PDB file of all heavy atoms in Angstrom:
ATOM      1  N   ILE A   1      44.068  39.372 222.413  1.00  0.00           N
ATOM      2  CA  ILE A   1      43.580  38.190 221.698  1.00  0.00           C
ATOM      3  C   ILE A   1      42.182  38.433 221.153  1.00  0.00           C
ATOM      4  O   ILE A   1      41.882  38.116 219.988  1.00  0.00           O
ATOM      5  CB  ILE A   1      43.605  36.965 222.632  1.00  0.00           C
ATOM      6  CG1 ILE A   1      45.055  36.587 222.959  1.00  0.00           C
ATOM      7  CG2 ILE A   1      42.881  35.788 221.998  1.00  0.00           C
ATOM      8  CD1 ILE A   1      45.193  35.553 224.057  1.00  0.00           C
ATOM      9  N   ALA A   2      41.309  39.025 221.984  1.00  0.00           N
ATOM     10  CA  ALA A   2      39.944  39.320 221.526  1.00  0.00           C
ATOM     11  C   ALA A   2      39.967  40.292 220.354  1.00  0.00           C
ATOM     12  O   ALA A   2      39.217  40.135 219.370  1.00  0.00           O
ATOM     13  CB  ALA A   2      39.127  39.886 222.686  1.00  0.00           C
ATOM     14  N   SER A   3      40.826  41.316 220.439  1.00  0.00           N
ATOM     15  CA  SER A   3      40.915  42.299 219.356  1.00  0.00           C
ATOM     16  C   SER A   3      41.384  41.650 218.063  1.00  0.00           C
ATOM     17  O   SER A   3      40.865  41.952 216.974  1.00  0.00           O
ATOM     18  CB  SER A   3      41.872  43.423 219.747  1.00  0.00           C
ATOM     19  OG  SER A   3      41.410  44.110 220.895  1.00  0.00           O
ATOM     20  N   LEU A   4      42.361  40.745 218.161  1.00  0.00           N
ATOM     21  CA  LEU A   4      42.861  40.087 216.957  1.00  0.00           C
ATOM     22  C   LEU A   4      41.810  39.160 216.350  1.00  0.00           C
ATOM     23  O   LEU A   4      41.657  39.115 215.123  1.00  0.00           O
ATOM     24  CB  LEU A   4      44.128  39.299 217.286  1.00  0.00           C
ATOM     25  CG  LEU A   4      45.393  40.136 217.497  1.00  0.00           C
ATOM     26  CD1 LEU A   4      46.546  39.258 217.951  1.00  0.00           C
ATOM     27  CD2 LEU A   4      45.769  40.868 216.211  1.00  0.00           C
ATOM     28  N   VAL A   5      41.094  38.429 217.197  1.00  0.00           N
ATOM     29  CA  VAL A   5      40.043  37.541 216.686  1.00  0.00           C
ATOM     30  C   VAL A   5      38.974  38.343 215.957  1.00  0.00           C
ATOM     31  O   VAL A   5      38.558  37.994 214.840  1.00  0.00           O
ATOM     32  CB  VAL A   5      39.427  36.723 217.842  1.00  0.00           C
ATOM     33  CG1 VAL A   5      38.177  35.991 217.367  1.00  0.00           C
ATOM     34  CG2 VAL A   5      40.447  35.729 218.397  1.00  0.00           C
ATOM     35  N   ILE A   6      38.527  39.420 216.575  1.00  0.00           N
ATOM     36  CA  ILE A   6      37.496  40.261 215.946  1.00  0.00           C
ATOM     37  C   ILE A   6      38.046  40.890 214.676  1.00  0.00           C
ATOM     38  O   ILE A   6      37.360  40.962 213.641  1.00  0.00           O
ATOM     39  CB  ILE A   6      37.027  41.347 216.936  1.00  0.00           C
ATOM     40  CG1 ILE A   6      36.299  40.695 218.120  1.00  0.00           C
ATOM     41  CG2 ILE A   6      36.109  42.354 216.251  1.00  0.00           C
ATOM     42  CD1 ILE A   6      36.038  41.630 219.278  1.00  0.00           C
ATOM     43  N   GLY A   7      39.314  41.352 214.740  1.00  0.00           N
ATOM     44  CA  GLY A   7      39.921  41.966 213.563  1.00  0.00           C
ATOM     45  C   GLY A   7      40.014  41.014 212.388  1.00  0.00           C
ATOM     46  O   GLY A   7      39.670  41.360 211.254  1.00  0.00           O
ATOM     47  N   VAL A   8      40.479  39.781 212.656  1.00  0.00           N
ATOM     48  CA  VAL A   8      40.593  38.789 211.586  1.00  0.00           C
ATOM     49  C   VAL A   8      39.219  38.462 211.010  1.00  0.00           C
ATOM     50  O   VAL A   8      39.052  38.335 209.782  1.00  0.00           O
ATOM     51  CB  VAL A   8      41.278  37.520 212.125  1.00  0.00           C
ATOM     52  CG1 VAL A   8      41.163  36.370 211.118  1.00  0.00           C
ATOM     53  CG2 VAL A   8      42.744  37.802 212.441  1.00  0.00           C
ATOM     54  N   PHE A   9      38.196  38.357 211.882  1.00  0.00           N
ATOM     55  CA  PHE A   9      36.840  38.060 211.406  1.00  0.00           C
ATOM     56  C   PHE A   9      36.323  39.181 210.508  1.00  0.00           C
ATOM     57  O   PHE A   9      35.774  38.932 209.417  1.00  0.00           O
ATOM     58  CB  PHE A   9      35.924  37.874 212.605  1.00  0.00           C
ATOM     59  CG  PHE A   9      34.484  37.641 212.253  1.00  0.00           C
ATOM     60  CD1 PHE A   9      34.086  36.448 211.659  1.00  0.00           C
ATOM     61  CD2 PHE A   9      33.511  38.609 212.501  1.00  0.00           C
ATOM     62  CE1 PHE A   9      32.753  36.222 211.329  1.00  0.00           C
ATOM     63  CE2 PHE A   9      32.192  38.395 212.169  1.00  0.00           C
ATOM     64  CZ  PHE A   9      31.806  37.202 211.587  1.00  0.00           C
ATOM     65  N   VAL A  10      36.522  40.434 210.927  1.00  0.00           N
ATOM     66  CA  VAL A  10      36.045  41.576 210.137  1.00  0.00           C
ATOM     67  C   VAL A  10      36.818  41.676 208.819  1.00  0.00           C
ATOM     68  O   VAL A  10      36.231  41.894 207.756  1.00  0.00           O
ATOM     69  CB  VAL A  10      36.167  42.879 210.948  1.00  0.00           C
ATOM     70  CG1 VAL A  10      35.868  44.102 210.072  1.00  0.00           C
ATOM     71  CG2 VAL A  10      35.225  42.856 212.137  1.00  0.00           C
ATOM     72  N   TRP A  11      38.139  41.529 208.886  1.00  0.00           N
ATOM     73  CA  TRP A  11      38.921  41.570 207.642  1.00  0.00           C
ATOM     74  C   TRP A  11      38.496  40.447 206.706  1.00  0.00           C
ATOM     75  O   TRP A  11      38.421  40.640 205.481  1.00  0.00           O
ATOM     76  CB  TRP A  11      40.413  41.436 207.953  1.00  0.00           C
ATOM     77  CG  TRP A  11      40.953  42.549 208.793  1.00  0.00           C
ATOM     78  CD1 TRP A  11      40.530  43.852 208.812  1.00  0.00           C
ATOM     79  CD2 TRP A  11      41.994  42.453 209.769  1.00  0.00           C
ATOM     80  NE1 TRP A  11      41.239  44.569 209.738  1.00  0.00           N
ATOM     81  CE2 TRP A  11      42.145  43.750 210.343  1.00  0.00           C
ATOM     82  CE3 TRP A  11      42.811  41.430 210.223  1.00  0.00           C
ATOM     83  CZ2 TRP A  11      43.098  44.014 211.336  1.00  0.00           C
ATOM     84  CZ3 TRP A  11      43.759  41.690 211.197  1.00  0.00           C
ATOM     85  CH2 TRP A  11      43.893  42.967 211.743  1.00  0.00           C
ATOM     86  N   GLY A  12      38.213  39.264 207.250  1.00  0.00           N
ATOM     87  CA  GLY A  12      37.759  38.158 206.420  1.00  0.00           C
ATOM     88  C   GLY A  12      36.432  38.469 205.732  1.00  0.00           C
ATOM     89  O   GLY A  12      36.251  38.177 204.542  1.00  0.00           O
ATOM     90  N   LEU A  13      35.494  39.064 206.479  1.00  0.00           N
ATOM     91  CA  LEU A  13      34.211  39.446 205.882  1.00  0.00           C
ATOM     92  C   LEU A  13      34.399  40.464 204.769  1.00  0.00           C
ATOM     93  O   LEU A  13      33.749  40.384 203.715  1.00  0.00           O
ATOM     94  CB  LEU A  13      33.280  40.015 206.959  1.00  0.00           C
ATOM     95  CG  LEU A  13      32.631  39.029 207.924  1.00  0.00           C
ATOM     96  CD1 LEU A  13      31.774  39.777 208.942  1.00  0.00           C
ATOM     97  CD2 LEU A  13      31.768  38.014 207.162  1.00  0.00           C
ATOM     98  N   ILE A  14      35.273  41.433 204.996  1.00  0.00           N
ATOM     99  CA  ILE A  14      35.515  42.455 203.978  1.00  0.00           C
ATOM    100  C   ILE A  14      36.050  41.826 202.700  1.00  0.00           C
ATOM    101  O   ILE A  14      35.570  42.111 201.589  1.00  0.00           O
ATOM    102  CB  ILE A  14      36.497  43.524 204.522  1.00  0.00           C
ATOM    103  CG1 ILE A  14      35.835  44.340 205.637  1.00  0.00           C
ATOM    104  CG2 ILE A  14      36.961  44.457 203.400  1.00  0.00           C
ATOM    105  CD1 ILE A  14      36.786  45.288 206.351  1.00  0.00           C
ATOM    106  N   LEU A  15      37.053  40.958 202.852  1.00  0.00           N
ATOM    107  CA  LEU A  15      37.634  40.314 201.670  1.00  0.00           C
ATOM    108  C   LEU A  15      36.629  39.408 200.974  1.00  0.00           C
ATOM    109  O   LEU A  15      36.557  39.372 199.733  1.00  0.00           O
ATOM    110  CB  LEU A  15      38.884  39.514 202.080  1.00  0.00           C
ATOM    111  CG  LEU A  15      40.074  40.353 202.561  1.00  0.00           C
ATOM    112  CD1 LEU A  15      41.176  39.446 203.094  1.00  0.00           C
ATOM    113  CD2 LEU A  15      40.599  41.229 201.427  1.00  0.00           C
ATOM    114  N   TRP A  16      35.840  38.678 201.781  1.00  0.00           N
ATOM    115  CA  TRP A  16      34.845  37.777 201.177  1.00  0.00           C
ATOM    116  C   TRP A  16      33.820  38.561 200.369  1.00  0.00           C
ATOM    117  O   TRP A  16      33.484  38.191 199.236  1.00  0.00           O
ATOM    118  CB  TRP A  16      34.148  36.984 202.280  1.00  0.00           C
ATOM    119  CG  TRP A  16      33.114  36.035 201.757  1.00  0.00           C
ATOM    120  CD1 TRP A  16      33.314  34.880 201.062  1.00  0.00           C
ATOM    121  CD2 TRP A  16      31.694  36.178 201.880  1.00  0.00           C
ATOM    122  NE1 TRP A  16      32.122  34.274 200.753  1.00  0.00           N
ATOM    123  CE2 TRP A  16      31.104  35.063 201.245  1.00  0.00           C
ATOM    124  CE3 TRP A  16      30.874  37.129 202.472  1.00  0.00           C
ATOM    125  CZ2 TRP A  16      29.731  34.891 201.180  1.00  0.00           C
ATOM    126  CZ3 TRP A  16      29.505  36.953 202.409  1.00  0.00           C
ATOM    127  CH2 TRP A  16      28.941  35.851 201.771  1.00  0.00           C
ATOM    128  N   VAL A  17      33.323  39.662 200.934  1.00  0.00           N
ATOM    129  CA  VAL A  17      32.338  40.491 200.225  1.00  0.00           C
ATOM    130  C   VAL A  17      32.949  41.091 198.965  1.00  0.00           C
ATOM    131  O   VAL A  17      32.298  41.165 197.913  1.00  0.00           O
ATOM    132  CB  VAL A  17      31.801  41.592 201.161  1.00  0.00           C
ATOM    133  CG1 VAL A  17      30.982  42.620 200.374  1.00  0.00           C
ATOM    134  CG2 VAL A  17      30.953  40.976 202.257  1.00  0.00           C
ATOM    135  N   MET A  18      34.215  41.543 199.069  1.00  0.00           N
ATOM    136  CA  MET A  18      34.873  42.145 197.900  1.00  0.00           C
ATOM    137  C   MET A  18      34.917  41.178 196.716  1.00  0.00           C
ATOM    138  O   MET A  18      34.678  41.572 195.564  1.00  0.00           O
ATOM    139  CB  MET A  18      36.292  42.581 198.282  1.00  0.00           C
ATOM    140  CG  MET A  18      36.359  43.806 199.160  1.00  0.00           C
ATOM    141  SD  MET A  18      38.041  44.111 199.775  1.00  0.00           S
ATOM    142  CE  MET A  18      38.962  44.231 198.244  1.00  0.00           C
ATOM    143  N   PHE A  19      35.219  39.902 196.998  1.00  0.00           N
ATOM    144  CA  PHE A  19      35.365  38.947 195.901  1.00  0.00           C
ATOM    145  C   PHE A  19      34.047  38.254 195.540  1.00  0.00           C
ATOM    146  O   PHE A  19      33.789  37.977 194.372  1.00  0.00           O
ATOM    147  CB  PHE A  19      36.429  37.897 196.260  1.00  0.00           C
ATOM    148  CG  PHE A  19      37.824  38.439 196.222  1.00  0.00           C
ATOM    149  CD1 PHE A  19      38.441  38.884 197.376  1.00  0.00           C
ATOM    150  CD2 PHE A  19      38.507  38.528 195.015  1.00  0.00           C
ATOM    151  CE1 PHE A  19      39.736  39.383 197.339  1.00  0.00           C
ATOM    152  CE2 PHE A  19      39.798  39.034 194.970  1.00  0.00           C
ATOM    153  CZ  PHE A  19      40.413  39.466 196.129  1.00  0.00           C
ATOM    154  N   ARG A  20      33.217  37.988 196.569  1.00  0.00           N
ATOM    155  CA  ARG A  20      31.970  37.267 196.309  1.00  0.00           C
ATOM    156  C   ARG A  20      30.973  38.127 195.557  1.00  0.00           C
ATOM    157  O   ARG A  20      30.258  37.629 194.664  1.00  0.00           O
ATOM    158  CB  ARG A  20      31.370  36.797 197.647  1.00  0.00           C
ATOM    159  CG  ARG A  20      29.976  36.187 197.535  1.00  0.00           C
ATOM    160  CD  ARG A  20      30.003  34.886 196.745  1.00  0.00           C
ATOM    161  NE  ARG A  20      28.702  34.268 196.686  1.00  0.00           N
ATOM    162  CZ  ARG A  20      27.724  34.628 195.848  1.00  0.00           C
ATOM    163  NH1 ARG A  20      27.932  35.601 194.945  1.00  0.00           N
ATOM    164  NH2 ARG A  20      26.566  34.000 195.873  1.00  0.00           N
ATOM    165  N   TYR A  21      30.914  39.409 195.848  1.00  0.00           N
ATOM    166  CA  TYR A  21      29.877  40.266 195.265  1.00  0.00           C
ATOM    167  C   TYR A  21      30.444  41.333 194.328  1.00  0.00           C
ATOM    168  O   TYR A  21      29.828  42.363 194.094  1.00  0.00           O
ATOM    169  CB  TYR A  21      29.072  40.941 196.375  1.00  0.00           C
ATOM    170  CG  TYR A  21      28.303  39.950 197.225  1.00  0.00           C
ATOM    171  CD1 TYR A  21      28.764  39.590 198.491  1.00  0.00           C
ATOM    172  CD2 TYR A  21      27.143  39.349 196.742  1.00  0.00           C
ATOM    173  CE1 TYR A  21      28.077  38.675 199.267  1.00  0.00           C
ATOM    174  CE2 TYR A  21      26.454  38.412 197.510  1.00  0.00           C
ATOM    175  CZ  TYR A  21      26.923  38.084 198.769  1.00  0.00           C
ATOM    176  OH  TYR A  21      26.237  37.159 199.521  1.00  0.00           O
ATOM    177  N   ARG A  22      31.641  41.105 193.816  1.00  0.00           N
ATOM    178  CA  ARG A  22      32.206  42.071 192.879  1.00  0.00           C
ATOM    179  C   ARG A  22      31.389  42.082 191.581  1.00  0.00           C
ATOM    180  O   ARG A  22      30.833  41.052 191.159  1.00  0.00           O
ATOM    181  CB  ARG A  22      33.669  41.761 192.592  1.00  0.00           C
ATOM    182  CG  ARG A  22      33.909  40.496 191.788  1.00  0.00           C
ATOM    183  CD  ARG A  22      35.396  40.181 191.710  1.00  0.00           C
ATOM    184  NE  ARG A  22      35.683  39.074 190.838  1.00  0.00           N
ATOM    185  CZ  ARG A  22      35.564  37.813 191.160  1.00  0.00           C
ATOM    186  NH1 ARG A  22      35.137  37.475 192.372  1.00  0.00           N
ATOM    187  NH2 ARG A  22      35.864  36.855 190.290  1.00  0.00           N
ATOM    188  N   ARG A  23      31.342  43.213 190.973  1.00  0.00           N
ATOM    189  CA  ARG A  23      30.568  43.343 189.735  1.00  0.00           C
ATOM    190  C   ARG A  23      31.314  42.671 188.596  1.00  0.00           C
ATOM    191  O   ARG A  23      32.495  42.896 188.380  1.00  0.00           O
ATOM    192  CB  ARG A  23      30.351  44.818 189.410  1.00  0.00           C
ATOM    193  CG  ARG A  23      29.399  45.025 188.238  1.00  0.00           C
ATOM    194  CD  ARG A  23      28.927  46.460 188.127  1.00  0.00           C
ATOM    195  NE  ARG A  23      30.036  47.372 187.900  1.00  0.00           N
ATOM    196  CZ  ARG A  23      29.892  48.686 187.728  1.00  0.00           C
ATOM    197  NH1 ARG A  23      28.694  49.223 187.805  1.00  0.00           N
ATOM    198  NH2 ARG A  23      30.942  49.450 187.528  1.00  0.00           N
ATOM    199  N   LYS A  24      30.568  41.817 187.855  1.00  0.00           N
ATOM    200  CA  LYS A  24      31.200  41.032 186.801  1.00  0.00           C
ATOM    201  C   LYS A  24      31.154  41.734 185.443  1.00  0.00           C
ATOM    202  O   LYS A  24      31.940  41.417 184.562  1.00  0.00           O
ATOM    203  CB  LYS A  24      30.515  39.670 186.702  1.00  0.00           C
ATOM    204  CG  LYS A  24      30.679  38.836 187.983  1.00  0.00           C
ATOM    205  CD  LYS A  24      30.006  37.498 187.853  1.00  0.00           C
ATOM    206  CE  LYS A  24      30.244  36.626 189.085  1.00  0.00           C
ATOM    207  NZ  LYS A  24      29.717  37.243 190.326  1.00  0.00           N
ATOM    208  N   ASN A  25      30.229  42.649 185.270  1.00  0.00           N
ATOM    209  CA  ASN A  25      30.195  43.437 184.025  1.00  0.00           C
ATOM    210  C   ASN A  25      29.570  44.788 184.320  1.00  0.00           C
ATOM    211  O   ASN A  25      28.980  45.004 185.378  1.00  0.00           O
ATOM    212  CB  ASN A  25      29.424  42.693 182.919  1.00  0.00           C
ATOM    213  CG  ASN A  25      28.013  42.370 183.356  1.00  0.00           C
ATOM    214  OD1 ASN A  25      27.182  43.265 183.553  1.00  0.00           O
ATOM    215  ND2 ASN A  25      27.732  41.063 183.516  1.00  0.00           N
ATOM    216  N   ASN A  26      29.686  45.709 183.393  1.00  0.00           N
ATOM    217  CA  ASN A  26      29.252  47.084 183.615  1.00  0.00           C
ATOM    218  C   ASN A  26      27.739  47.252 183.609  1.00  0.00           C
ATOM    219  O   ASN A  26      27.224  48.288 184.034  1.00  0.00           O
ATOM    220  CB  ASN A  26      29.862  48.006 182.545  1.00  0.00           C
ATOM    221  CG  ASN A  26      31.376  48.109 182.702  1.00  0.00           C
ATOM    222  OD1 ASN A  26      31.885  47.974 183.810  1.00  0.00           O
ATOM    223  ND2 ASN A  26      32.073  48.339 181.590  1.00  0.00           N
ATOM    224  N   THR A  27      26.997  46.262 183.135  1.00  0.00           N
ATOM    225  CA  THR A  27      25.537  46.388 183.061  1.00  0.00           C
ATOM    226  C   THR A  27      24.844  45.707 184.240  1.00  0.00           C
ATOM    227  O   THR A  27      23.643  45.895 184.436  1.00  0.00           O
ATOM    228  CB  THR A  27      25.028  45.770 181.758  1.00  0.00           C
ATOM    229  OG1 THR A  27      25.383  44.391 181.711  1.00  0.00           O
ATOM    230  CG2 THR A  27      25.623  46.497 180.549  1.00  0.00           C
ATOM    231  N   GLU A  28      25.590  44.938 185.015  1.00  0.00           N
ATOM    232  CA  GLU A  28      24.985  44.190 186.122  1.00  0.00           C
ATOM    233  C   GLU A  28      24.614  45.140 187.261  1.00  0.00           C
ATOM    234  O   GLU A  28      25.403  45.993 187.661  1.00  0.00           O
ATOM    235  CB  GLU A  28      25.948  43.123 186.633  1.00  0.00           C
ATOM    236  CG  GLU A  28      25.380  42.276 187.756  1.00  0.00           C
ATOM    237  CD  GLU A  28      26.377  41.269 188.277  1.00  0.00           C
ATOM    238  OE1 GLU A  28      27.556  41.313 187.839  1.00  0.00           O
ATOM    239  OE2 GLU A  28      25.996  40.441 189.117  1.00  0.00           O
ATOM    240  N   VAL A  29      23.404  44.990 187.769  1.00  0.00           N
ATOM    241  CA  VAL A  29      22.928  45.781 188.900  1.00  0.00           C
ATOM    242  C   VAL A  29      22.640  44.823 190.057  1.00  0.00           C
ATOM    243  O   VAL A  29      21.896  43.855 189.883  1.00  0.00           O
ATOM    244  CB  VAL A  29      21.656  46.569 188.544  1.00  0.00           C
ATOM    245  CG1 VAL A  29      21.142  47.344 189.764  1.00  0.00           C
ATOM    246  CG2 VAL A  29      21.939  47.535 187.392  1.00  0.00           C
ATOM    247  N   PRO A  30      23.234  45.035 191.237  1.00  0.00           N
ATOM    248  CA  PRO A  30      22.994  44.109 192.351  1.00  0.00           C
ATOM    249  C   PRO A  30      21.555  44.171 192.839  1.00  0.00           C
ATOM    250  O   PRO A  30      20.855  45.171 192.660  1.00  0.00           O
ATOM    251  CB  PRO A  30      23.951  44.621 193.431  1.00  0.00           C
ATOM    252  CG  PRO A  30      24.182  46.046 193.100  1.00  0.00           C
ATOM    253  CD  PRO A  30      24.128  46.141 191.612  1.00  0.00           C
ATOM    254  N   ARG A  31      21.102  43.073 193.432  1.00  0.00           N
ATOM    255  CA  ARG A  31      19.759  43.031 193.990  1.00  0.00           C
ATOM    256  C   ARG A  31      19.617  44.084 195.084  1.00  0.00           C
ATOM    257  O   ARG A  31      20.460  44.205 195.961  1.00  0.00           O
ATOM    258  CB  ARG A  31      19.483  41.632 194.552  1.00  0.00           C
ATOM    259  CG  ARG A  31      18.068  41.459 195.089  1.00  0.00           C
ATOM    260  CD  ARG A  31      17.781  39.979 195.298  1.00  0.00           C
ATOM    261  NE  ARG A  31      18.691  39.383 196.258  1.00  0.00           N
ATOM    262  CZ  ARG A  31      18.430  39.317 197.582  1.00  0.00           C
ATOM    263  NH1 ARG A  31      17.303  39.826 198.070  1.00  0.00           N
ATOM    264  NH2 ARG A  31      19.276  38.737 198.394  1.00  0.00           N
ATOM    265  N   GLN A  32      18.537  44.850 195.015  1.00  0.00           N
ATOM    266  CA  GLN A  32      18.315  45.938 195.963  1.00  0.00           C
ATOM    267  C   GLN A  32      17.548  45.424 197.191  1.00  0.00           C
ATOM    268  O   GLN A  32      16.443  44.902 197.063  1.00  0.00           O
ATOM    269  CB  GLN A  32      17.527  47.072 195.298  1.00  0.00           C
ATOM    270  CG  GLN A  32      18.175  47.604 194.026  1.00  0.00           C
ATOM    271  CD  GLN A  32      19.567  48.169 194.294  1.00  0.00           C
ATOM    272  OE1 GLN A  32      19.719  49.084 195.099  1.00  0.00           O
ATOM    273  NE2 GLN A  32      20.567  47.623 193.628  1.00  0.00           N
ATOM    274  N   THR A  33      18.164  45.569 198.369  1.00  0.00           N
ATOM    275  CA  THR A  33      17.545  45.126 199.615  1.00  0.00           C
ATOM    276  C   THR A  33      17.437  46.311 200.553  1.00  0.00           C
ATOM    277  O   THR A  33      18.445  46.963 200.858  1.00  0.00           O
ATOM    278  CB  THR A  33      18.375  44.015 200.282  1.00  0.00           C
ATOM    279  OG1 THR A  33      18.516  42.930 199.342  1.00  0.00           O
ATOM    280  CG2 THR A  33      17.710  43.525 201.551  1.00  0.00           C
ATOM    281  N   ARG A  34      16.235  46.598 201.037  1.00  0.00           N
ATOM    282  CA  ARG A  34      16.045  47.775 201.895  1.00  0.00           C
ATOM    283  C   ARG A  34      16.569  47.525 203.295  1.00  0.00           C
ATOM    284  O   ARG A  34      17.146  48.403 203.907  1.00  0.00           O
ATOM    285  CB  ARG A  34      14.565  48.152 201.937  1.00  0.00           C
ATOM    286  CG  ARG A  34      14.033  48.612 200.581  1.00  0.00           C
ATOM    287  CD  ARG A  34      12.581  49.018 200.678  1.00  0.00           C
ATOM    288  NE  ARG A  34      12.387  50.117 201.629  1.00  0.00           N
ATOM    289  CZ  ARG A  34      11.189  50.594 201.983  1.00  0.00           C
ATOM    290  NH1 ARG A  34      10.092  50.054 201.475  1.00  0.00           N
ATOM    291  NH2 ARG A  34      11.094  51.588 202.826  1.00  0.00           N
ATOM    292  N   TYR A  35      16.363  46.329 203.812  1.00  0.00           N
ATOM    293  CA  TYR A  35      16.860  46.012 205.151  1.00  0.00           C
ATOM    294  C   TYR A  35      16.872  44.501 205.325  1.00  0.00           C
ATOM    295  O   TYR A  35      16.244  43.765 204.575  1.00  0.00           O
ATOM    296  CB  TYR A  35      16.011  46.677 206.239  1.00  0.00           C
ATOM    297  CG  TYR A  35      14.570  46.232 206.239  1.00  0.00           C
ATOM    298  CD1 TYR A  35      14.168  45.097 206.946  1.00  0.00           C
ATOM    299  CD2 TYR A  35      13.596  46.943 205.519  1.00  0.00           C
ATOM    300  CE1 TYR A  35      12.848  44.690 206.948  1.00  0.00           C
ATOM    301  CE2 TYR A  35      12.282  46.533 205.514  1.00  0.00           C
ATOM    302  CZ  TYR A  35      11.901  45.408 206.230  1.00  0.00           C
ATOM    303  OH  TYR A  35      10.597  45.002 206.223  1.00  0.00           O
ATOM    304  N   ASN A  36      17.640  44.105 206.358  1.00  0.00           N
ATOM    305  CA  ASN A  36      17.698  42.692 206.719  1.00  0.00           C
ATOM    306  C   ASN A  36      17.627  42.650 208.241  1.00  0.00           C
ATOM    307  O   ASN A  36      18.628  42.845 208.930  1.00  0.00           O
ATOM    308  CB  ASN A  36      19.002  42.066 206.205  1.00  0.00           C
ATOM    309  CG  ASN A  36      19.045  40.562 206.436  1.00  0.00           C
ATOM    310  OD1 ASN A  36      18.703  40.076 207.507  1.00  0.00           O
ATOM    311  ND2 ASN A  36      19.474  39.831 205.418  1.00  0.00           N
ATOM    312  N   LEU A  37      16.437  42.398 208.753  1.00  0.00           N
ATOM    313  CA  LEU A  37      16.213  42.497 210.196  1.00  0.00           C
ATOM    314  C   LEU A  37      17.108  41.564 211.007  1.00  0.00           C
ATOM    315  O   LEU A  37      17.733  42.005 211.993  1.00  0.00           O
ATOM    316  CB  LEU A  37      14.742  42.250 210.514  1.00  0.00           C
ATOM    317  CG  LEU A  37      14.323  42.508 211.973  1.00  0.00           C
ATOM    318  CD1 LEU A  37      14.631  43.942 212.377  1.00  0.00           C
ATOM    319  CD2 LEU A  37      12.839  42.197 212.149  1.00  0.00           C
ATOM    320  N   PRO A  38      17.237  40.280 210.671  1.00  0.00           N
ATOM    321  CA  PRO A  38      18.125  39.410 211.463  1.00  0.00           C
ATOM    322  C   PRO A  38      19.568  39.911 211.494  1.00  0.00           C
ATOM    323  O   PRO A  38      20.234  39.878 212.525  1.00  0.00           O
ATOM    324  CB  PRO A  38      18.015  38.053 210.766  1.00  0.00           C
ATOM    325  CG  PRO A  38      16.694  38.106 210.074  1.00  0.00           C
ATOM    326  CD  PRO A  38      16.526  39.523 209.628  1.00  0.00           C
ATOM    327  N   LEU A  39      20.048  40.389 210.328  1.00  0.00           N
ATOM    328  CA  LEU A  39      21.423  40.879 210.274  1.00  0.00           C
ATOM    329  C   LEU A  39      21.595  42.130 211.130  1.00  0.00           C
ATOM    330  O   LEU A  39      22.593  42.280 211.845  1.00  0.00           O
ATOM    331  CB  LEU A  39      21.798  41.187 208.822  1.00  0.00           C
ATOM    332  CG  LEU A  39      23.259  41.551 208.562  1.00  0.00           C
ATOM    333  CD1 LEU A  39      24.167  40.391 208.939  1.00  0.00           C
ATOM    334  CD2 LEU A  39      23.461  41.935 207.091  1.00  0.00           C
ATOM    335  N   GLU A  40      20.616  43.030 211.109  1.00  0.00           N
ATOM    336  CA  GLU A  40      20.704  44.252 211.897  1.00  0.00           C
ATOM    337  C   GLU A  40      20.649  43.949 213.394  1.00  0.00           C
ATOM    338  O   GLU A  40      21.349  44.583 214.191  1.00  0.00           O
ATOM    339  CB  GLU A  40      19.587  45.211 211.506  1.00  0.00           C
ATOM    340  CG  GLU A  40      19.756  45.760 210.088  1.00  0.00           C
ATOM    341  CD  GLU A  40      18.609  46.673 209.685  1.00  0.00           C
ATOM    342  OE1 GLU A  40      17.791  47.012 210.557  1.00  0.00           O
ATOM    343  OE2 GLU A  40      18.547  47.049 208.496  1.00  0.00           O
ATOM    344  N   ILE A  41      19.841  42.984 213.777  1.00  0.00           N
ATOM    345  CA  ILE A  41      19.795  42.587 215.199  1.00  0.00           C
ATOM    346  C   ILE A  41      21.136  41.986 215.611  1.00  0.00           C
ATOM    347  O   ILE A  41      21.651  42.276 216.704  1.00  0.00           O
ATOM    348  CB  ILE A  41      18.654  41.581 215.433  1.00  0.00           C
ATOM    349  CG1 ILE A  41      17.298  42.281 215.251  1.00  0.00           C
ATOM    350  CG2 ILE A  41      18.743  40.980 216.827  1.00  0.00           C
ATOM    351  CD1 ILE A  41      16.115  41.343 215.330  1.00  0.00           C
ATOM    352  N   MET A  42      21.722  41.174 214.716  1.00  0.00           N
ATOM    353  CA  MET A  42      22.992  40.537 215.048  1.00  0.00           C
ATOM    354  C   MET A  42      24.087  41.573 215.255  1.00  0.00           C
ATOM    355  O   MET A  42      24.813  41.532 216.265  1.00  0.00           O
ATOM    356  CB  MET A  42      23.400  39.567 213.934  1.00  0.00           C
ATOM    357  CG  MET A  42      24.672  38.793 214.274  1.00  0.00           C
ATOM    358  SD  MET A  42      25.362  37.911 212.849  1.00  0.00           S
ATOM    359  CE  MET A  42      26.054  39.282 211.912  1.00  0.00           C
ATOM    360  N   TYR A  43      24.251  42.532 214.324  1.00  0.00           N
ATOM    361  CA  TYR A  43      25.365  43.471 214.482  1.00  0.00           C
ATOM    362  C   TYR A  43      25.069  44.560 215.517  1.00  0.00           C
ATOM    363  O   TYR A  43      25.913  45.398 215.807  1.00  0.00           O
ATOM    364  CB  TYR A  43      25.842  44.051 213.141  1.00  0.00           C
ATOM    365  CG  TYR A  43      24.920  44.940 212.364  1.00  0.00           C
ATOM    366  CD1 TYR A  43      24.422  46.133 212.883  1.00  0.00           C
ATOM    367  CD2 TYR A  43      24.589  44.621 211.043  1.00  0.00           C
ATOM    368  CE1 TYR A  43      23.612  46.962 212.130  1.00  0.00           C
ATOM    369  CE2 TYR A  43      23.771  45.452 210.288  1.00  0.00           C
ATOM    370  CZ  TYR A  43      23.299  46.629 210.838  1.00  0.00           C
ATOM    371  OH  TYR A  43      22.489  47.446 210.074  1.00  0.00           O
TER     372      TYR A  43
END
């Protein structure tokens, strides 16, 4: 059960990132971030 919950959460994040941050045109450059301390502490 724990493995499935974690798996579904990770798969959901992957799909969300794929669609939320997909490149909309060939000239668009995503914002460059060197690090995110809260996120790194969390994972």
